[in-house]
Amino acid sequence: MGDLDDVILRRALDESPDGVLICDDEGVIRYSNKALSAITGFAESALVGQLVEKLVPHRHHDHRNQRARYTAHPRTRPMGANLQLLANRSDGSEVPVEISLSPVVSTEGSFTIASVRDISDRLRSEDKLRQTHDALTLSAERERIARDLHDTVLQRLFGLGLELQALGTNVDATAADRLESSVDEIDRIIKEIRTSVFTLGAAERVGSLGQELGDIINQSSRVLGFTPRLRIEGPVEHMLDETTRVDLVATLREALANIARHSRATSASVDLVVADNRLSLRVVDNGIGPPASTDGVVGNGLRNMSARSASHDGHFRLEAGVDGGAVLNWSIPLA
C-alpha cells in the first residue's frame, strides 16, 4: 500500500486502542487492525478485500449511496459527532459503535481511514445513570406525595378516627360496634394509601421491587382465587441489597404458594415493613391453619424459608392465628 507500508506507521495502526479500517474509493477494505478484530470478531484476513458493507447491518441498504456521497466530497468527521451506529459481528450480532472518518490521498489513490470505537460499556453506563436518575426522581416524588398526604388526607383521616372513637363512648353497644368497625376501616385505608405511595410508578419500571411484588401478587391471585392484600411501610425499595431482595421475593412466593396448596383460605394479607434497620414480612391467611409442629417448621418449603432467614441471622415462624388460619413471620436485620 505504498506509503502505508512504513513500519512505524503500521505498528501505530496495529496497536491503536480503537478499531481502524482503511478503504479505497470503491469501498474495498485494504487494511484492518487488531482492535477492529476484537470489536467485530472478524479476522483481518476475513475483511481485507471485502466491501465495507460487510460490517454494515443489511437494513441500512442506503450505505453505498452514503459512501459514494462521502467519496465525492470527503472531509474529516471526528469521533462522537452524534452518530451512534451499529456494526456487524462475525457471530451475527451487532455492536454499537462510533465512527470517525478521515480522507487520505497517496500516490496509489484516495483512501478513507475509519476509526471505530465500541461504545457498549458507555451506553450501559449511561442507561444505568438514567435509571438511577429516574429512581431518585421517583423517590423524591413519592416523598413529596407522602408528605402531602400526611399533612392533609392522612391527618384528616386520623382526626376522623379519633372523633368516631370518642362518639363510641356515648352510644349503645350496637352503634359502638359499628363505629369501631368504621375506625378499623379508616386504619386500613391509611395503610393502603401508604402502600400506594410506595408502589407509585413501579408497575412501569422494569426490574423495580414494586413491579416484582405486584407481579407476585397478581400471579398468586390466579391460583388462590382471590387477590391478597399488600401493605408496605418504610423505604423497602432502597434498603434491600440484591441478596436480601432475592431471599425476600423467594420467601413471599413460597408463602403464597403454600396458602394455595394447603390452606383452603379465602383471603390473605401481606405486610412488608422496614423499621429500625429490620425487614419484616408477615403473611396471614384465614385457612385451616398450619400443620402440627413443635418448632413451627415442617416441609421443604418452610425449611427453605427458615434457611433464608437464618442466612441473614433472622427469624422465621409459622403459627396458628388467634382467630384461625395461619400467621407467617419472616424477619431479618438490615445492614
Protein backbone atom coordinates (compact mmCIF):
# COMPACT_ATOMS: atom_id res chain seq x y z
CA MET A 1 0.00 0.00 0.00
CA GLY A 2 2.91 2.32 -0.76
CA ASP A 3 3.48 4.87 1.98
CA LEU A 4 1.32 2.83 4.34
CA ASP A 5 3.95 0.08 4.47
CA ASP A 6 6.08 2.23 6.71
CA VAL A 7 6.92 0.06 9.73
CA ILE A 8 6.32 2.74 12.38
CA LEU A 9 3.00 3.81 10.89
CA ARG A 10 1.88 0.22 10.55
CA ARG A 11 2.76 -0.54 14.17
CA ALA A 12 0.90 2.56 15.36
CA LEU A 13 -2.21 1.46 13.48
CA ASP A 14 -1.90 -2.13 14.71
CA GLU A 15 -1.61 -1.06 18.34
CA SER A 16 -4.34 1.59 18.28
CA PRO A 17 -6.95 1.03 21.04
CA ASP A 18 -9.67 1.92 18.50
CA GLY A 19 -10.51 -0.20 15.52
CA VAL A 20 -9.02 1.09 12.27
CA LEU A 21 -10.20 0.42 8.71
CA ILE A 22 -8.65 1.76 5.53
CA CYS A 23 -10.90 1.61 2.47
CA ASP A 24 -10.35 2.72 -1.12
CA ASP A 25 -12.77 4.81 -3.18
CA GLU A 26 -14.72 1.68 -4.15
CA GLY A 27 -15.36 0.80 -0.52
CA VAL A 28 -12.96 -2.15 -0.57
CA ILE A 29 -11.23 -2.77 2.75
CA ARG A 30 -7.46 -2.55 2.30
CA TYR A 31 -6.46 -2.79 5.97
CA SER A 32 -7.95 -3.55 9.39
CA ASN A 33 -6.19 -3.68 12.76
CA LYS A 34 -6.31 -5.98 15.79
CA ALA A 35 -8.68 -3.73 17.73
CA LEU A 36 -11.24 -3.96 14.93
CA SER A 37 -11.00 -7.75 15.05
CA ALA A 38 -11.62 -7.61 18.80
CA ILE A 39 -14.69 -5.40 18.26
CA THR A 40 -16.25 -7.34 15.38
CA GLY A 41 -14.85 -10.85 15.74
CA PHE A 42 -13.68 -10.79 12.10
CA ALA A 43 -10.02 -11.61 11.48
CA GLU A 44 -8.10 -9.23 9.20
CA SER A 45 -7.99 -11.93 6.52
CA ALA A 46 -11.81 -12.11 6.54
CA LEU A 47 -12.13 -8.38 5.91
CA VAL A 48 -9.34 -7.28 3.60
CA GLY A 49 -10.58 -7.36 0.02
CA GLN A 50 -14.25 -7.24 1.10
CA LEU A 51 -16.59 -4.30 0.70
CA VAL A 52 -17.01 -2.28 3.89
CA GLU A 53 -20.75 -3.11 3.74
CA LYS A 54 -19.77 -6.49 5.21
CA LEU A 55 -19.68 -4.66 8.53
CA VAL A 56 -22.90 -2.70 7.95
CA PRO A 57 -26.29 -4.18 9.03
CA HIS A 58 -28.34 -5.19 5.98
CA ARG A 59 -31.24 -2.93 6.92
CA HIS A 60 -29.02 0.07 6.16
CA HIS A 61 -29.44 -0.56 2.44
CA ASP A 62 -28.52 3.01 1.50
CA HIS A 63 -25.00 2.79 2.91
CA ARG A 64 -23.43 2.52 -0.56
CA ASN A 65 -25.10 5.76 -1.61
CA GLN A 66 -23.91 7.45 1.58
CA ARG A 67 -20.40 6.16 0.94
CA ALA A 68 -20.49 7.45 -2.64
CA ARG A 69 -21.56 10.90 -1.43
CA TYR A 70 -18.73 10.96 1.10
CA THR A 71 -16.20 9.87 -1.54
CA ALA A 72 -17.37 12.69 -3.82
CA HIS A 73 -16.95 15.25 -1.03
CA PRO A 74 -14.50 13.79 1.51
CA ARG A 75 -13.98 15.58 4.80
CA THR A 76 -12.72 14.78 8.27
CA ARG A 77 -15.56 13.79 10.58
CA PRO A 78 -14.49 13.50 14.24
CA MET A 79 -15.43 10.75 16.65
CA GLY A 80 -18.62 11.37 18.61
CA ALA A 81 -20.36 13.52 16.01
CA ASN A 82 -23.75 12.43 17.40
CA LEU A 83 -23.72 9.40 15.14
CA GLN A 84 -24.24 6.18 17.05
CA LEU A 85 -24.08 3.31 14.59
CA LEU A 86 -24.15 -0.48 14.66
CA ALA A 87 -21.53 -2.80 13.21
CA ASN A 88 -21.98 -6.44 12.27
CA ARG A 89 -20.10 -9.04 14.27
CA SER A 90 -18.90 -12.36 12.96
CA ASP A 91 -21.42 -14.25 15.15
CA GLY A 92 -24.38 -12.40 13.58
CA SER A 93 -24.86 -9.98 16.46
CA GLU A 94 -24.38 -6.23 16.30
CA VAL A 95 -22.24 -3.89 18.37
CA PRO A 96 -22.89 -0.15 18.94
CA VAL A 97 -20.02 1.96 17.66
CA GLU A 98 -18.89 5.49 17.00
CA ILE A 99 -17.01 6.12 13.77
CA SER A 100 -14.78 8.97 12.67
CA LEU A 101 -13.68 9.36 9.04
CA SER A 102 -10.56 10.95 7.57
CA PRO A 103 -9.74 11.18 3.85
CA VAL A 104 -6.14 10.43 2.81
CA VAL A 105 -4.58 10.88 -0.64
CA SER A 106 -1.47 8.91 -1.62
CA THR A 107 0.37 8.05 -4.81
CA GLU A 108 -1.82 4.94 -5.06
CA GLY A 109 -5.08 6.89 -4.91
CA SER A 110 -7.60 8.20 -2.43
CA PHE A 111 -8.42 6.31 0.76
CA THR A 112 -10.65 6.75 3.79
CA ILE A 113 -9.42 5.93 7.27
CA ALA A 114 -12.24 4.95 9.61
CA SER A 115 -11.64 4.85 13.37
CA VAL A 116 -14.18 2.59 15.07
CA ARG A 117 -14.88 2.67 18.82
CA ASP A 118 -17.00 0.14 20.71
CA ILE A 119 -19.36 2.17 22.95
CA SER A 120 -21.24 -0.74 24.55
CA ASP A 121 -19.85 -0.05 28.03
CA ARG A 122 -20.55 3.67 27.74
CA LEU A 123 -24.15 3.08 26.67
CA ARG A 124 -24.67 0.67 29.57
CA SER A 125 -23.26 3.25 31.97
CA GLU A 126 -25.48 5.96 30.51
CA ASP A 127 -28.51 3.70 30.77
CA LYS A 128 -27.70 2.88 34.38
CA LEU A 129 -27.24 6.58 35.09
CA ARG A 130 -30.65 7.30 33.54
CA GLN A 131 -32.24 4.57 35.63
CA THR A 132 -30.61 5.94 38.78
CA HIS A 133 -31.79 9.45 37.93
CA ASP A 134 -35.32 8.16 37.29
CA ALA A 135 -35.27 6.25 40.58
CA LEU A 136 -34.14 9.33 42.50
CA THR A 137 -36.77 11.46 40.78
CA LEU A 138 -39.45 8.91 41.60
CA SER A 139 -38.24 8.65 45.18
CA ALA A 140 -38.43 12.42 45.58
CA GLU A 141 -41.92 12.41 44.08
CA ARG A 142 -43.00 9.66 46.46
CA GLU A 143 -41.66 11.59 49.41
CA ARG A 144 -43.48 14.73 48.26
CA ILE A 145 -46.77 12.89 47.80
CA ALA A 146 -46.35 11.06 51.09
CA ARG A 147 -45.66 14.36 52.84
CA ASP A 148 -48.68 15.99 51.22
CA LEU A 149 -50.87 13.03 52.13
CA HIS A 150 -49.62 13.06 55.70
CA ASP A 151 -50.24 16.79 56.08
CA THR A 152 -53.73 16.66 54.56
CA VAL A 153 -55.55 13.40 53.84
CA LEU A 154 -54.00 11.17 56.49
CA GLN A 155 -54.21 13.79 59.22
CA ARG A 156 -57.91 14.26 58.46
CA LEU A 157 -58.47 10.51 58.50
CA PHE A 158 -56.67 10.25 61.83
CA GLY A 159 -58.83 13.07 63.19
CA LEU A 160 -61.99 11.41 61.89
CA GLY A 161 -60.98 8.16 63.56
CA LEU A 162 -60.44 9.88 66.89
CA GLU A 163 -63.83 11.60 66.66
CA LEU A 164 -65.56 8.29 65.93
CA GLN A 165 -63.78 6.64 68.87
CA ALA A 166 -64.94 9.47 71.13
CA LEU A 167 -68.52 9.06 69.92
CA GLY A 168 -68.32 5.36 70.70
CA THR A 169 -68.21 6.05 74.43
CA ASN A 170 -71.66 7.68 74.36
CA VAL A 171 -73.76 5.25 72.30
CA ASP A 172 -75.25 1.81 72.74
CA ALA A 173 -73.30 -1.38 72.09
CA THR A 174 -74.57 -1.87 68.52
CA ALA A 175 -73.65 1.63 67.46
CA ALA A 176 -70.32 1.34 69.27
CA ASP A 177 -69.51 -1.82 67.29
CA ARG A 178 -70.32 -0.01 64.04
CA LEU A 179 -68.16 2.93 64.99
CA GLU A 180 -65.29 0.63 65.90
CA SER A 181 -65.66 -1.10 62.54
CA SER A 182 -65.52 2.29 60.82
CA VAL A 183 -62.35 3.21 62.72
CA ASP A 184 -60.76 -0.09 61.65
CA GLU A 185 -61.70 0.66 58.04
CA ILE A 186 -60.11 4.12 58.29
CA ASP A 187 -56.94 2.47 59.58
CA ARG A 188 -56.94 0.07 56.61
CA ILE A 189 -57.43 2.97 54.20
CA ILE A 190 -54.47 4.81 55.71
CA LYS A 191 -52.25 1.75 55.29
CA GLU A 192 -53.40 1.21 51.71
CA ILE A 193 -52.63 4.85 50.85
CA ARG A 194 -49.10 4.42 52.21
CA THR A 195 -48.67 1.28 50.12
CA SER A 196 -49.90 3.13 47.03
CA VAL A 197 -47.29 5.81 47.62
CA PHE A 198 -44.57 3.14 47.79
CA THR A 199 -45.63 1.48 44.55
CA LEU A 200 -46.12 4.78 42.71
CA GLY A 201 -44.90 4.27 39.16
CA ALA A 202 -43.38 0.89 39.99
CA ALA A 203 -45.58 -1.05 37.58
CA GLU A 204 -43.95 0.80 34.69
CA ARG A 205 -40.37 0.38 35.87
CA VAL A 206 -38.98 -2.92 34.70
CA GLY A 207 -36.90 -4.55 37.40
CA SER A 208 -38.18 -2.47 40.31
CA LEU A 209 -39.08 -4.19 43.58
CA GLY A 210 -42.55 -2.67 43.40
CA GLN A 211 -43.09 -4.26 40.00
CA GLU A 212 -41.81 -7.61 41.23
CA LEU A 213 -44.06 -7.61 44.29
CA GLY A 214 -47.03 -6.63 42.14
CA ASP A 215 -46.26 -9.48 39.73
CA ILE A 216 -46.12 -11.98 42.60
CA ILE A 217 -49.47 -10.81 43.97
CA ASN A 218 -51.09 -10.95 40.51
CA GLN A 219 -49.68 -14.39 39.74
CA SER A 220 -50.76 -15.82 43.09
CA SER A 221 -54.30 -14.45 42.69
CA ARG A 222 -54.84 -16.74 39.69
CA VAL A 223 -54.26 -19.88 41.77
CA LEU A 224 -55.68 -18.59 45.04
CA GLY A 225 -58.97 -17.41 43.57
CA PHE A 226 -58.60 -14.07 45.37
CA THR A 227 -56.09 -11.23 45.49
CA PRO A 228 -54.02 -10.97 48.69
CA ARG A 229 -53.94 -7.51 50.27
CA LEU A 230 -50.49 -5.93 50.18
CA ARG A 231 -49.29 -3.33 52.72
CA ILE A 232 -45.81 -1.79 52.62
CA GLU A 233 -44.29 0.57 55.15
CA GLY A 234 -40.85 2.13 55.14
CA PRO A 235 -38.16 2.60 52.45
CA VAL A 236 -38.24 -1.02 51.29
CA GLU A 237 -37.13 -0.29 47.72
CA HIS A 238 -33.92 1.46 48.76
CA MET A 239 -32.90 -0.57 51.84
CA LEU A 240 -32.51 -4.01 50.28
CA ASP A 241 -29.36 -5.27 48.59
CA GLU A 242 -29.66 -7.83 45.80
CA THR A 243 -29.18 -10.89 48.03
CA THR A 244 -31.80 -9.73 50.52
CA ARG A 245 -34.23 -8.90 47.72
CA VAL A 246 -33.83 -12.37 46.18
CA ASP A 247 -34.50 -14.07 49.52
CA LEU A 248 -37.48 -11.83 50.27
CA VAL A 249 -39.09 -12.49 46.89
CA ALA A 250 -38.47 -16.24 47.14
CA THR A 251 -39.97 -16.32 50.64
CA LEU A 252 -43.09 -14.43 49.58
CA ARG A 253 -43.60 -16.69 46.57
CA GLU A 254 -43.24 -19.79 48.75
CA ALA A 255 -45.60 -18.40 51.41
CA LEU A 256 -48.36 -17.66 48.88
CA ALA A 257 -47.81 -20.98 47.14
CA ASN A 258 -48.25 -22.79 50.47
CA ILE A 259 -51.53 -20.94 51.06
CA ALA A 260 -52.73 -22.01 47.62
CA ARG A 261 -51.73 -25.65 48.12
CA HIS A 262 -52.69 -26.32 51.69
CA SER A 263 -54.74 -23.65 53.48
CA ARG A 264 -58.17 -23.58 51.77
CA ALA A 265 -58.10 -19.85 52.55
CA THR A 266 -60.48 -17.29 51.06
CA SER A 267 -58.40 -14.24 51.99
CA ALA A 268 -54.82 -13.35 52.86
CA SER A 269 -52.76 -10.29 53.67
CA VAL A 270 -49.10 -9.47 53.12
CA ASP A 271 -47.40 -6.88 55.33
CA LEU A 272 -43.87 -5.78 54.42
CA VAL A 273 -42.26 -3.34 56.82
CA VAL A 274 -38.83 -1.75 57.12
CA ALA A 275 -38.29 -0.12 60.51
CA ASP A 276 -35.38 0.19 62.95
CA ASN A 277 -32.98 -1.39 60.41
CA ARG A 278 -35.09 -4.53 60.18
CA LEU A 279 -37.13 -6.06 57.37
CA SER A 280 -40.28 -7.89 58.47
CA LEU A 281 -42.59 -9.96 56.27
CA ARG A 282 -45.91 -11.08 57.75
CA VAL A 283 -48.33 -13.22 55.75
CA VAL A 284 -51.71 -14.02 57.28
CA ASP A 285 -54.48 -16.21 55.86
CA ASN A 286 -57.91 -17.37 57.10
CA GLY A 287 -57.48 -21.01 56.14
CA ILE A 288 -57.32 -24.24 58.14
CA GLY A 289 -54.13 -23.26 59.95
CA PRO A 290 -50.57 -24.62 59.89
CA PRO A 291 -49.70 -28.30 60.24
CA ALA A 292 -48.92 -29.55 63.73
CA SER A 293 -45.27 -29.00 64.61
CA THR A 294 -43.28 -28.36 67.74
CA ASP A 295 -40.89 -25.90 66.14
CA GLY A 296 -43.16 -24.23 63.59
CA VAL A 297 -41.12 -25.52 60.64
CA VAL A 298 -42.12 -28.57 58.58
CA GLY A 299 -41.91 -29.38 54.90
CA ASN A 300 -39.25 -28.39 52.37
CA GLY A 301 -40.86 -25.05 51.54
CA LEU A 302 -40.94 -23.96 55.17
CA ARG A 303 -37.41 -25.21 55.74
CA ASN A 304 -36.25 -23.14 52.78
CA MET A 305 -37.91 -20.01 54.18
CA SER A 306 -36.35 -20.70 57.58
CA ALA A 307 -32.93 -21.22 56.00
CA ARG A 308 -33.20 -17.94 54.09
CA SER A 309 -33.91 -16.01 57.28
CA ALA A 310 -31.15 -17.86 59.13
CA SER A 311 -28.63 -16.94 56.42
CA HIS A 312 -29.23 -13.29 57.40
CA ASP A 313 -29.24 -14.01 61.17
CA GLY A 314 -33.01 -13.51 61.11
CA HIS A 315 -36.09 -15.30 62.45
CA PHE A 316 -38.86 -17.38 60.93
CA ARG A 317 -42.05 -18.69 62.50
CA LEU A 318 -45.30 -20.19 61.23
CA GLU A 319 -48.09 -20.45 63.77
CA ALA A 320 -51.85 -20.55 64.13
CA GLY A 321 -53.69 -17.23 64.11
CA VAL A 322 -55.71 -16.10 67.09
CA ASP A 323 -58.94 -16.35 65.10
CA GLY A 324 -57.86 -19.32 62.99
CA GLY A 325 -55.81 -19.52 59.86
CA ALA A 326 -52.03 -19.19 59.85
CA VAL A 327 -49.56 -16.41 60.53
CA LEU A 328 -46.12 -16.46 58.93
CA ASN A 329 -43.47 -14.13 60.33
CA TRP A 330 -40.13 -13.76 58.50
CA SER A 331 -37.76 -11.10 59.80
CA ILE A 332 -34.12 -10.20 59.14
CA PRO A 333 -31.79 -7.36 60.21
CA LEU A 334 -30.61 -4.88 57.59
CA ALA A 335 -27.04 -3.62 57.42
